[in-house]
Amino acid sequence: MIILLADDERLIRLALRSMIEEIEPNTHTFIEAKNGKELIKSFKDNSIDLAFVDINMPLMDGLSAIEQCKNSFTTTQWFILTGEREFDLVKKSYYSWC
């Protein structure tokens, strides 16, 4: 399984990788992106099964990057991550999927 970890904070990406590896060791390929533009490039270069995406990232936010990818890559399962306290942004991410 190919898993994309998209977050501008390296420690978050490492923590996600560590948790996933603990559940199923040595069975996944991990791709990392530090911003929305890297996320989009990762999708053009790979067939990604799962994507963990932070909302707030530099160059392009996670929601905008997902919007550009989700119609072309319909088999990907998306997980939105945020440490955001602003509920309106979280609500926007939910309603963009409905």
PDB file of N, CA and C in Angstrom:
ATOM      1  N   MET A   1       0.837  -1.164   0.000  1.00  0.00           N
ATOM      2  CA  MET A   1       0.000   0.000   0.000  1.00  0.00           C
ATOM      3  C   MET A   1       0.893   1.243   0.000  1.00  0.00           C
ATOM      4  N   ILE A   2       0.549   2.205  -0.830  1.00  0.00           N
ATOM      5  CA  ILE A   2       1.298   3.457  -0.893  1.00  0.00           C
ATOM      6  C   ILE A   2       0.542   4.506  -0.090  1.00  0.00           C
ATOM      7  N   ILE A   3       1.243   5.097   0.879  1.00  0.00           N
ATOM      8  CA  ILE A   3       0.634   6.060   1.795  1.00  0.00           C
ATOM      9  C   ILE A   3       1.357   7.396   1.682  1.00  0.00           C
ATOM     10  N   LEU A   4       0.570   8.453   1.469  1.00  0.00           N
ATOM     11  CA  LEU A   4       1.109   9.813   1.426  1.00  0.00           C
ATOM     12  C   LEU A   4       0.896  10.469   2.779  1.00  0.00           C
ATOM     13  N   LEU A   5       1.958  11.048   3.319  1.00  0.00           N
ATOM     14  CA  LEU A   5       1.901  11.811   4.557  1.00  0.00           C
ATOM     15  C   LEU A   5       2.202  13.260   4.206  1.00  0.00           C
ATOM     16  N   ALA A   6       1.181  14.098   4.193  1.00  0.00           N
ATOM     17  CA  ALA A   6       1.345  15.493   3.785  1.00  0.00           C
ATOM     18  C   ALA A   6       1.132  16.413   4.981  1.00  0.00           C
ATOM     19  N   ASP A   7       2.220  16.941   5.488  1.00  0.00           N
ATOM     20  CA  ASP A   7       2.188  17.859   6.618  1.00  0.00           C
ATOM     21  C   ASP A   7       3.472  18.666   6.589  1.00  0.00           C
ATOM     22  N   ASP A   8       3.382  19.949   6.900  1.00  0.00           N
ATOM     23  CA  ASP A   8       4.588  20.773   6.877  1.00  0.00           C
ATOM     24  C   ASP A   8       5.480  20.537   8.099  1.00  0.00           C
ATOM     25  N   GLU A   9       4.978  19.824   9.084  1.00  0.00           N
ATOM     26  CA  GLU A   9       5.770  19.532  10.273  1.00  0.00           C
ATOM     27  C   GLU A   9       6.337  18.117  10.191  1.00  0.00           C
ATOM     28  N   ARG A  10       7.655  18.034  10.162  1.00  0.00           N
ATOM     29  CA  ARG A  10       8.355  16.763  10.018  1.00  0.00           C
ATOM     30  C   ARG A  10       7.993  15.775  11.131  1.00  0.00           C
ATOM     31  N   LEU A  11       7.879  16.262  12.376  1.00  0.00           N
ATOM     32  CA  LEU A  11       7.572  15.368  13.490  1.00  0.00           C
ATOM     33  C   LEU A  11       6.198  14.721  13.358  1.00  0.00           C
ATOM     34  N   ILE A  12       5.252  15.434  12.772  1.00  0.00           N
ATOM     35  CA  ILE A  12       3.926  14.853  12.545  1.00  0.00           C
ATOM     36  C   ILE A  12       4.035  13.725  11.528  1.00  0.00           C
ATOM     37  N   ARG A  13       4.782  13.968  10.439  1.00  0.00           N
ATOM     38  CA  ARG A  13       4.959  12.914   9.435  1.00  0.00           C
ATOM     39  C   ARG A  13       5.640  11.690  10.035  1.00  0.00           C
ATOM     40  N   LEU A  14       6.663  11.918  10.848  1.00  0.00           N
ATOM     41  CA  LEU A  14       7.364  10.800  11.495  1.00  0.00           C
ATOM     42  C   LEU A  14       6.449  10.046  12.456  1.00  0.00           C
ATOM     43  N   ALA A  15       5.625  10.760  13.205  1.00  0.00           N
ATOM     44  CA  ALA A  15       4.710  10.117  14.154  1.00  0.00           C
ATOM     45  C   ALA A  15       3.682   9.263  13.425  1.00  0.00           C
ATOM     46  N   LEU A  16       3.119   9.782  12.339  1.00  0.00           N
ATOM     47  CA  LEU A  16       2.151   9.008  11.557  1.00  0.00           C
ATOM     48  C   LEU A  16       2.795   7.738  11.005  1.00  0.00           C
ATOM     49  N   ARG A  17       3.964   7.894  10.432  1.00  0.00           N
ATOM     50  CA  ARG A  17       4.682   6.735   9.879  1.00  0.00           C
ATOM     51  C   ARG A  17       4.931   5.692  10.965  1.00  0.00           C
ATOM     52  N   SER A  18       5.366   6.147  12.123  1.00  0.00           N
ATOM     53  CA  SER A  18       5.662   5.250  13.233  1.00  0.00           C
ATOM     54  C   SER A  18       4.416   4.492  13.688  1.00  0.00           C
ATOM     55  N   MET A  19       3.283   5.183  13.801  1.00  0.00           N
ATOM     56  CA  MET A  19       2.045   4.519  14.227  1.00  0.00           C
ATOM     57  C   MET A  19       1.578   3.481  13.206  1.00  0.00           C
ATOM     58  N   ILE A  20       1.660   3.832  11.943  1.00  0.00           N
ATOM     59  CA  ILE A  20       1.241   2.897  10.890  1.00  0.00           C
ATOM     60  C   ILE A  20       2.175   1.692  10.848  1.00  0.00           C
ATOM     61  N   GLU A  21       3.464   1.934  10.955  1.00  0.00           N
ATOM     62  CA  GLU A  21       4.442   0.840  10.945  1.00  0.00           C
ATOM     63  C   GLU A  21       4.276  -0.083  12.150  1.00  0.00           C
ATOM     64  N   GLU A  22       3.843   0.474  13.274  1.00  0.00           N
ATOM     65  CA  GLU A  22       3.632  -0.345  14.460  1.00  0.00           C
ATOM     66  C   GLU A  22       2.476  -1.322  14.249  1.00  0.00           C
ATOM     67  N   ILE A  23       1.459  -0.884  13.520  1.00  0.00           N
ATOM     68  CA  ILE A  23       0.294  -1.736  13.259  1.00  0.00           C
ATOM     69  C   ILE A  23       0.625  -2.818  12.232  1.00  0.00           C
ATOM     70  N   GLU A  24       1.269  -2.424  11.143  1.00  0.00           N
ATOM     71  CA  GLU A  24       1.638  -3.360  10.074  1.00  0.00           C
ATOM     72  C   GLU A  24       3.065  -3.071   9.620  1.00  0.00           C
ATOM     73  N   PRO A  25       4.053  -3.649  10.279  1.00  0.00           N
ATOM     74  CA  PRO A  25       5.446  -3.352   9.949  1.00  0.00           C
ATOM     75  C   PRO A  25       5.859  -3.798   8.549  1.00  0.00           C
ATOM     76  N   ASN A  26       6.653  -2.963   7.909  1.00  0.00           N
ATOM     77  CA  ASN A  26       7.306  -3.279   6.632  1.00  0.00           C
ATOM     78  C   ASN A  26       6.365  -3.699   5.510  1.00  0.00           C
ATOM     79  N   THR A  27       5.163  -3.150   5.475  1.00  0.00           N
ATOM     80  CA  THR A  27       4.214  -3.531   4.421  1.00  0.00           C
ATOM     81  C   THR A  27       3.790  -2.352   3.546  1.00  0.00           C
ATOM     82  N   HIS A  28       4.264  -1.142   3.866  1.00  0.00           N
ATOM     83  CA  HIS A  28       3.815   0.046   3.148  1.00  0.00           C
ATOM     84  C   HIS A  28       4.985   0.818   2.561  1.00  0.00           C
ATOM     85  N   THR A  29       4.669   1.553   1.505  1.00  0.00           N
ATOM     86  CA  THR A  29       5.602   2.523   0.952  1.00  0.00           C
ATOM     87  C   THR A  29       5.084   3.895   1.353  1.00  0.00           C
ATOM     88  N   PHE A  30       5.950   4.715   1.928  1.00  0.00           N
ATOM     89  CA  PHE A  30       5.554   6.044   2.385  1.00  0.00           C
ATOM     90  C   PHE A  30       6.133   7.117   1.475  1.00  0.00           C
ATOM     91  N   ILE A  31       5.300   8.076   1.157  1.00  0.00           N
ATOM     92  CA  ILE A  31       5.713   9.257   0.401  1.00  0.00           C
ATOM     93  C   ILE A  31       5.374  10.454   1.276  1.00  0.00           C
ATOM     94  N   GLU A  32       6.265  11.418   1.328  1.00  0.00           N
ATOM     95  CA  GLU A  32       6.031  12.588   2.165  1.00  0.00           C
ATOM     96  C   GLU A  32       5.945  13.848   1.319  1.00  0.00           C
ATOM     97  N   ALA A  33       5.082  14.767   1.775  1.00  0.00           N
ATOM     98  CA  ALA A  33       4.947  16.075   1.139  1.00  0.00           C
ATOM     99  C   ALA A  33       4.913  17.126   2.239  1.00  0.00           C
ATOM    100  N   LYS A  34       5.643  18.233   2.020  1.00  0.00           N
ATOM    101  CA  LYS A  34       5.713  19.302   3.018  1.00  0.00           C
ATOM    102  C   LYS A  34       4.745  20.441   2.730  1.00  0.00           C
ATOM    103  N   ASN A  35       4.100  20.389   1.574  1.00  0.00           N
ATOM    104  CA  ASN A  35       3.157  21.451   1.213  1.00  0.00           C
ATOM    105  C   ASN A  35       2.194  20.916   0.150  1.00  0.00           C
ATOM    106  N   GLY A  36       1.191  21.719  -0.170  1.00  0.00           N
ATOM    107  CA  GLY A  36       0.172  21.286  -1.120  1.00  0.00           C
ATOM    108  C   GLY A  36       0.699  21.025  -2.520  1.00  0.00           C
ATOM    109  N   LYS A  37       1.683  21.801  -2.943  1.00  0.00           N
ATOM    110  CA  LYS A  37       2.248  21.589  -4.283  1.00  0.00           C
ATOM    111  C   LYS A  37       2.991  20.262  -4.367  1.00  0.00           C
ATOM    112  N   GLU A  38       3.715  19.904  -3.303  1.00  0.00           N
ATOM    113  CA  GLU A  38       4.380  18.599  -3.283  1.00  0.00           C
ATOM    114  C   GLU A  38       3.355  17.471  -3.260  1.00  0.00           C
ATOM    115  N   LEU A  39       2.230  17.694  -2.569  1.00  0.00           N
ATOM    116  CA  LEU A  39       1.152  16.702  -2.542  1.00  0.00           C
ATOM    117  C   LEU A  39       0.668  16.421  -3.959  1.00  0.00           C
ATOM    118  N   ILE A  40       0.378  17.468  -4.720  1.00  0.00           N
ATOM    119  CA  ILE A  40      -0.115  17.303  -6.092  1.00  0.00           C
ATOM    120  C   ILE A  40       0.917  16.583  -6.949  1.00  0.00           C
ATOM    121  N   LYS A  41       2.174  16.952  -6.827  1.00  0.00           N
ATOM    122  CA  LYS A  41       3.229  16.285  -7.596  1.00  0.00           C
ATOM    123  C   LYS A  41       3.319  14.799  -7.227  1.00  0.00           C
ATOM    124  N   SER A  42       3.160  14.497  -5.949  1.00  0.00           N
ATOM    125  CA  SER A  42       3.207  13.102  -5.499  1.00  0.00           C
ATOM    126  C   SER A  42       2.129  12.271  -6.169  1.00  0.00           C
ATOM    127  N   PHE A  43       0.955  12.851  -6.359  1.00  0.00           N
ATOM    128  CA  PHE A  43      -0.135  12.128  -7.014  1.00  0.00           C
ATOM    129  C   PHE A  43       0.133  11.923  -8.501  1.00  0.00           C
ATOM    130  N   LYS A  44       0.796  12.865  -9.116  1.00  0.00           N
ATOM    131  CA  LYS A  44       1.110  12.721 -10.540  1.00  0.00           C
ATOM    132  C   LYS A  44       2.153  11.634 -10.768  1.00  0.00           C
ATOM    133  N   ASP A  45       2.995  11.397  -9.763  1.00  0.00           N
ATOM    134  CA  ASP A  45       4.098  10.452  -9.899  1.00  0.00           C
ATOM    135  C   ASP A  45       3.810   9.058  -9.333  1.00  0.00           C
ATOM    136  N   ASN A  46       2.719   8.899  -8.567  1.00  0.00           N
ATOM    137  CA  ASN A  46       2.464   7.644  -7.849  1.00  0.00           C
ATOM    138  C   ASN A  46       0.976   7.306  -7.833  1.00  0.00           C
ATOM    139  N   SER A  47       0.689   6.058  -7.551  1.00  0.00           N
ATOM    140  CA  SER A  47      -0.684   5.604  -7.364  1.00  0.00           C
ATOM    141  C   SER A  47      -0.906   5.457  -5.859  1.00  0.00           C
ATOM    142  N   ILE A  48      -1.430   6.490  -5.228  1.00  0.00           N
ATOM    143  CA  ILE A  48      -1.518   6.558  -3.774  1.00  0.00           C
ATOM    144  C   ILE A  48      -2.840   5.959  -3.286  1.00  0.00           C
ATOM    145  N   ASP A  49      -2.724   5.068  -2.299  1.00  0.00           N
ATOM    146  CA  ASP A  49      -3.895   4.404  -1.735  1.00  0.00           C
ATOM    147  C   ASP A  49      -4.524   5.207  -0.595  1.00  0.00           C
ATOM    148  N   LEU A  50      -3.693   5.689   0.318  1.00  0.00           N
ATOM    149  CA  LEU A  50      -4.152   6.481   1.460  1.00  0.00           C
ATOM    150  C   LEU A  50      -3.395   7.795   1.501  1.00  0.00           C
ATOM    151  N   ALA A  51      -4.093   8.872   1.850  1.00  0.00           N
ATOM    152  CA  ALA A  51      -3.438  10.176   1.971  1.00  0.00           C
ATOM    153  C   ALA A  51      -3.872  10.831   3.279  1.00  0.00           C
ATOM    154  N   PHE A  52      -2.909  11.123   4.119  1.00  0.00           N
ATOM    155  CA  PHE A  52      -3.133  11.876   5.349  1.00  0.00           C
ATOM    156  C   PHE A  52      -2.680  13.300   5.068  1.00  0.00           C
ATOM    157  N   VAL A  53      -3.609  14.255   5.133  1.00  0.00           N
ATOM    158  CA  VAL A  53      -3.322  15.617   4.660  1.00  0.00           C
ATOM    159  C   VAL A  53      -3.658  16.646   5.731  1.00  0.00           C
ATOM    160  N   ASP A  54      -2.668  17.463   6.058  1.00  0.00           N
ATOM    161  CA  ASP A  54      -2.873  18.588   6.972  1.00  0.00           C
ATOM    162  C   ASP A  54      -3.608  19.699   6.221  1.00  0.00           C
ATOM    163  N   ILE A  55      -4.496  20.395   6.904  1.00  0.00           N
ATOM    164  CA  ILE A  55      -5.223  21.496   6.270  1.00  0.00           C
ATOM    165  C   ILE A  55      -4.284  22.664   5.990  1.00  0.00           C
ATOM    166  N   ASN A  56      -3.536  23.087   7.008  1.00  0.00           N
ATOM    167  CA  ASN A  56      -2.680  24.272   6.865  1.00  0.00           C
ATOM    168  C   ASN A  56      -1.258  23.884   6.506  1.00  0.00           C
ATOM    169  N   MET A  57      -0.892  24.184   5.254  1.00  0.00           N
ATOM    170  CA  MET A  57       0.468  23.949   4.783  1.00  0.00           C
ATOM    171  C   MET A  57       0.881  25.135   3.925  1.00  0.00           C
ATOM    172  N   PRO A  58       2.180  25.368   3.791  1.00  0.00           N
ATOM    173  CA  PRO A  58       2.637  26.482   2.961  1.00  0.00           C
ATOM    174  C   PRO A  58       2.470  26.211   1.460  1.00  0.00           C
ATOM    175  N   LEU A  59       2.575  27.253   0.680  1.00  0.00           N
ATOM    176  CA  LEU A  59       2.481  27.269  -0.784  1.00  0.00           C
ATOM    177  C   LEU A  59       1.079  26.962  -1.292  1.00  0.00           C
ATOM    178  N   MET A  60       0.424  25.962  -0.702  1.00  0.00           N
ATOM    179  CA  MET A  60      -0.966  25.634  -1.039  1.00  0.00           C
ATOM    180  C   MET A  60      -1.516  24.825   0.124  1.00  0.00           C
ATOM    181  N   ASP A  61      -2.708  25.210   0.604  1.00  0.00           N
ATOM    182  CA  ASP A  61      -3.273  24.494   1.742  1.00  0.00           C
ATOM    183  C   ASP A  61      -3.745  23.098   1.318  1.00  0.00           C
ATOM    184  N   GLY A  62      -3.925  22.244   2.304  1.00  0.00           N
ATOM    185  CA  GLY A  62      -4.300  20.865   2.038  1.00  0.00           C
ATOM    186  C   GLY A  62      -5.642  20.713   1.347  1.00  0.00           C
ATOM    187  N   LEU A  63      -6.629  21.534   1.711  1.00  0.00           N
ATOM    188  CA  LEU A  63      -7.950  21.423   1.096  1.00  0.00           C
ATOM    189  C   LEU A  63      -7.911  21.759  -0.390  1.00  0.00           C
ATOM    190  N   SER A  64      -7.162  22.793  -0.750  1.00  0.00           N
ATOM    191  CA  SER A  64      -7.034  23.161  -2.172  1.00  0.00           C
ATOM    192  C   SER A  64      -6.319  22.074  -2.956  1.00  0.00           C
ATOM    193  N   ALA A  65      -5.288  21.494  -2.348  1.00  0.00           N
ATOM    194  CA  ALA A  65      -4.548  20.420  -3.021  1.00  0.00           C
ATOM    195  C   ALA A  65      -5.430  19.189  -3.211  1.00  0.00           C
ATOM    196  N   ILE A  66      -6.204  18.844  -2.188  1.00  0.00           N
ATOM    197  CA  ILE A  66      -7.122  17.708  -2.309  1.00  0.00           C
ATOM    198  C   ILE A  66      -8.134  17.970  -3.413  1.00  0.00           C
ATOM    199  N   GLU A  67      -8.662  19.181  -3.452  1.00  0.00           N
ATOM    200  CA  GLU A  67      -9.662  19.539  -4.464  1.00  0.00           C
ATOM    201  C   GLU A  67      -9.112  19.313  -5.870  1.00  0.00           C
ATOM    202  N   GLN A  68      -7.833  19.603  -6.085  1.00  0.00           N
ATOM    203  CA  GLN A  68      -7.228  19.414  -7.402  1.00  0.00           C
ATOM    204  C   GLN A  68      -6.989  17.947  -7.736  1.00  0.00           C
ATOM    205  N   CYS A  69      -6.888  17.102  -6.712  1.00  0.00           N
ATOM    206  CA  CYS A  69      -6.544  15.693  -6.944  1.00  0.00           C
ATOM    207  C   CYS A  69      -7.721  14.729  -6.872  1.00  0.00           C
ATOM    208  N   LYS A  70      -8.718  15.020  -6.050  1.00  0.00           N
ATOM    209  CA  LYS A  70      -9.696  13.985  -5.699  1.00  0.00           C
ATOM    210  C   LYS A  70     -10.526  13.472  -6.869  1.00  0.00           C
ATOM    211  N   ASN A  71     -10.796  14.285  -7.876  1.00  0.00           N
ATOM    212  CA  ASN A  71     -11.593  13.809  -9.009  1.00  0.00           C
ATOM    213  C   ASN A  71     -10.795  12.927  -9.965  1.00  0.00           C
ATOM    214  N   SER A  72      -9.498  13.144 -10.024  1.00  0.00           N
ATOM    215  CA  SER A  72      -8.648  12.341 -10.907  1.00  0.00           C
ATOM    216  C   SER A  72      -8.171  11.051 -10.250  1.00  0.00           C
ATOM    217  N   PHE A  73      -8.132  11.053  -8.933  1.00  0.00           N
ATOM    218  CA  PHE A  73      -7.621   9.893  -8.192  1.00  0.00           C
ATOM    219  C   PHE A  73      -8.718   9.397  -7.254  1.00  0.00           C
ATOM    220  N   THR A  74      -9.701   8.745  -7.838  1.00  0.00           N
ATOM    221  CA  THR A  74     -10.927   8.398  -7.116  1.00  0.00           C
ATOM    222  C   THR A  74     -10.784   7.212  -6.170  1.00  0.00           C
ATOM    223  N   THR A  75      -9.737   6.431  -6.287  1.00  0.00           N
ATOM    224  CA  THR A  75      -9.596   5.272  -5.402  1.00  0.00           C
ATOM    225  C   THR A  75      -8.834   5.610  -4.118  1.00  0.00           C
ATOM    226  N   THR A  76      -8.270   6.786  -4.045  1.00  0.00           N
ATOM    227  CA  THR A  76      -7.527   7.203  -2.851  1.00  0.00           C
ATOM    228  C   THR A  76      -8.480   7.450  -1.695  1.00  0.00           C
ATOM    229  N   GLN A  77      -8.115   6.963  -0.527  1.00  0.00           N
ATOM    230  CA  GLN A  77      -8.840   7.263   0.711  1.00  0.00           C
ATOM    231  C   GLN A  77      -8.156   8.456   1.362  1.00  0.00           C
ATOM    232  N   TRP A  78      -8.913   9.487   1.678  1.00  0.00           N
ATOM    233  CA  TRP A  78      -8.378  10.745   2.207  1.00  0.00           C
ATOM    234  C   TRP A  78      -8.664  10.876   3.695  1.00  0.00           C
ATOM    235  N   PHE A  79      -7.667  11.324   4.443  1.00  0.00           N
ATOM    236  CA  PHE A  79      -7.808  11.616   5.863  1.00  0.00           C
ATOM    237  C   PHE A  79      -7.284  13.029   6.086  1.00  0.00           C
ATOM    238  N   ILE A  80      -8.134  13.888   6.599  1.00  0.00           N
ATOM    239  CA  ILE A  80      -7.751  15.279   6.823  1.00  0.00           C
ATOM    240  C   ILE A  80      -7.280  15.433   8.259  1.00  0.00           C
ATOM    241  N   LEU A  81      -6.116  16.055   8.411  1.00  0.00           N
ATOM    242  CA  LEU A  81      -5.525  16.293   9.720  1.00  0.00           C
ATOM    243  C   LEU A  81      -5.529  17.783  10.019  1.00  0.00           C
ATOM    244  N   THR A  82      -5.710  18.128  11.278  1.00  0.00           N
ATOM    245  CA  THR A  82      -5.574  19.530  11.649  1.00  0.00           C
ATOM    246  C   THR A  82      -5.375  19.670  13.146  1.00  0.00           C
ATOM    247  N   GLY A  83      -4.625  20.666  13.496  1.00  0.00           N
ATOM    248  CA  GLY A  83      -4.492  21.095  14.882  1.00  0.00           C
ATOM    249  C   GLY A  83      -5.220  22.420  15.027  1.00  0.00           C
ATOM    250  N   GLU A  84      -6.006  22.730  14.027  1.00  0.00           N
ATOM    251  CA  GLU A  84      -6.697  24.011  13.915  1.00  0.00           C
ATOM    252  C   GLU A  84      -7.779  24.143  14.975  1.00  0.00           C
ATOM    253  N   ARG A  85      -7.820  25.277  15.611  1.00  0.00           N
ATOM    254  CA  ARG A  85      -8.863  25.554  16.594  1.00  0.00           C
ATOM    255  C   ARG A  85     -10.074  26.218  15.955  1.00  0.00           C
ATOM    256  N   GLU A  86      -9.880  26.732  14.777  1.00  0.00           N
ATOM    257  CA  GLU A  86     -10.940  27.456  14.080  1.00  0.00           C
ATOM    258  C   GLU A  86     -11.919  26.456  13.487  1.00  0.00           C
ATOM    259  N   PHE A  87     -13.087  26.328  14.092  1.00  0.00           N
ATOM    260  CA  PHE A  87     -14.048  25.315  13.689  1.00  0.00           C
ATOM    261  C   PHE A  87     -14.574  25.528  12.273  1.00  0.00           C
ATOM    262  N   ASP A  88     -14.674  26.771  11.811  1.00  0.00           N
ATOM    263  CA  ASP A  88     -15.188  27.031  10.464  1.00  0.00           C
ATOM    264  C   ASP A  88     -14.336  26.361   9.395  1.00  0.00           C
ATOM    265  N   LEU A  89     -13.027  26.356   9.586  1.00  0.00           N
ATOM    266  CA  LEU A  89     -12.140  25.706   8.616  1.00  0.00           C
ATOM    267  C   LEU A  89     -12.355  24.189   8.618  1.00  0.00           C
ATOM    268  N   VAL A  90     -12.524  23.613   9.787  1.00  0.00           N
ATOM    269  CA  VAL A  90     -12.772  22.178   9.890  1.00  0.00           C
ATOM    270  C   VAL A  90     -14.120  21.851   9.243  1.00  0.00           C
ATOM    271  N   LYS A  91     -15.116  22.670   9.504  1.00  0.00           N
ATOM    272  CA  LYS A  91     -16.444  22.482   8.920  1.00  0.00           C
ATOM    273  C   LYS A  91     -16.380  22.590   7.397  1.00  0.00           C
ATOM    274  N   LYS A  92     -15.604  23.537   6.884  1.00  0.00           N
ATOM    275  CA  LYS A  92     -15.449  23.693   5.441  1.00  0.00           C
ATOM    276  C   LYS A  92     -14.887  22.410   4.829  1.00  0.00           C
ATOM    277  N   SER A  93     -13.910  21.804   5.500  1.00  0.00           N
ATOM    278  CA  SER A  93     -13.303  20.578   4.962  1.00  0.00           C
ATOM    279  C   SER A  93     -14.334  19.454   4.922  1.00  0.00           C
ATOM    280  N   TYR A  94     -15.203  19.380   5.910  1.00  0.00           N
ATOM    281  CA  TYR A  94     -16.229  18.348   5.934  1.00  0.00           C
ATOM    282  C   TYR A  94     -17.234  18.549   4.792  1.00  0.00           C
ATOM    283  N   TYR A  95     -17.715  19.775   4.638  1.00  0.00           N
ATOM    284  CA  TYR A  95     -18.738  20.026   3.634  1.00  0.00           C
ATOM    285  C   TYR A  95     -18.187  19.975   2.208  1.00  0.00           C
ATOM    286  N   SER A  96     -16.889  20.107   2.036  1.00  0.00           N
ATOM    287  CA  SER A  96     -16.328  19.993   0.687  1.00  0.00           C
ATOM    288  C   SER A  96     -16.410  18.558   0.162  1.00  0.00           C
ATOM    289  N   TRP A  97     -16.652  17.593   1.045  1.00  0.00           N
ATOM    290  CA  TRP A  97     -16.748  16.176   0.657  1.00  0.00           C
ATOM    291  C   TRP A  97     -18.180  15.760   0.380  1.00  0.00           C
ATOM    292  N   CYS A  98     -19.131  16.528   0.860  1.00  0.00           N
ATOM    293  CA  CYS A  98     -20.547  16.146   0.710  1.00  0.00           C
ATOM    294  C   CYS A  98     -21.089  16.516  -0.658  1.00  0.00           C
TER     295      CYS A  98
END
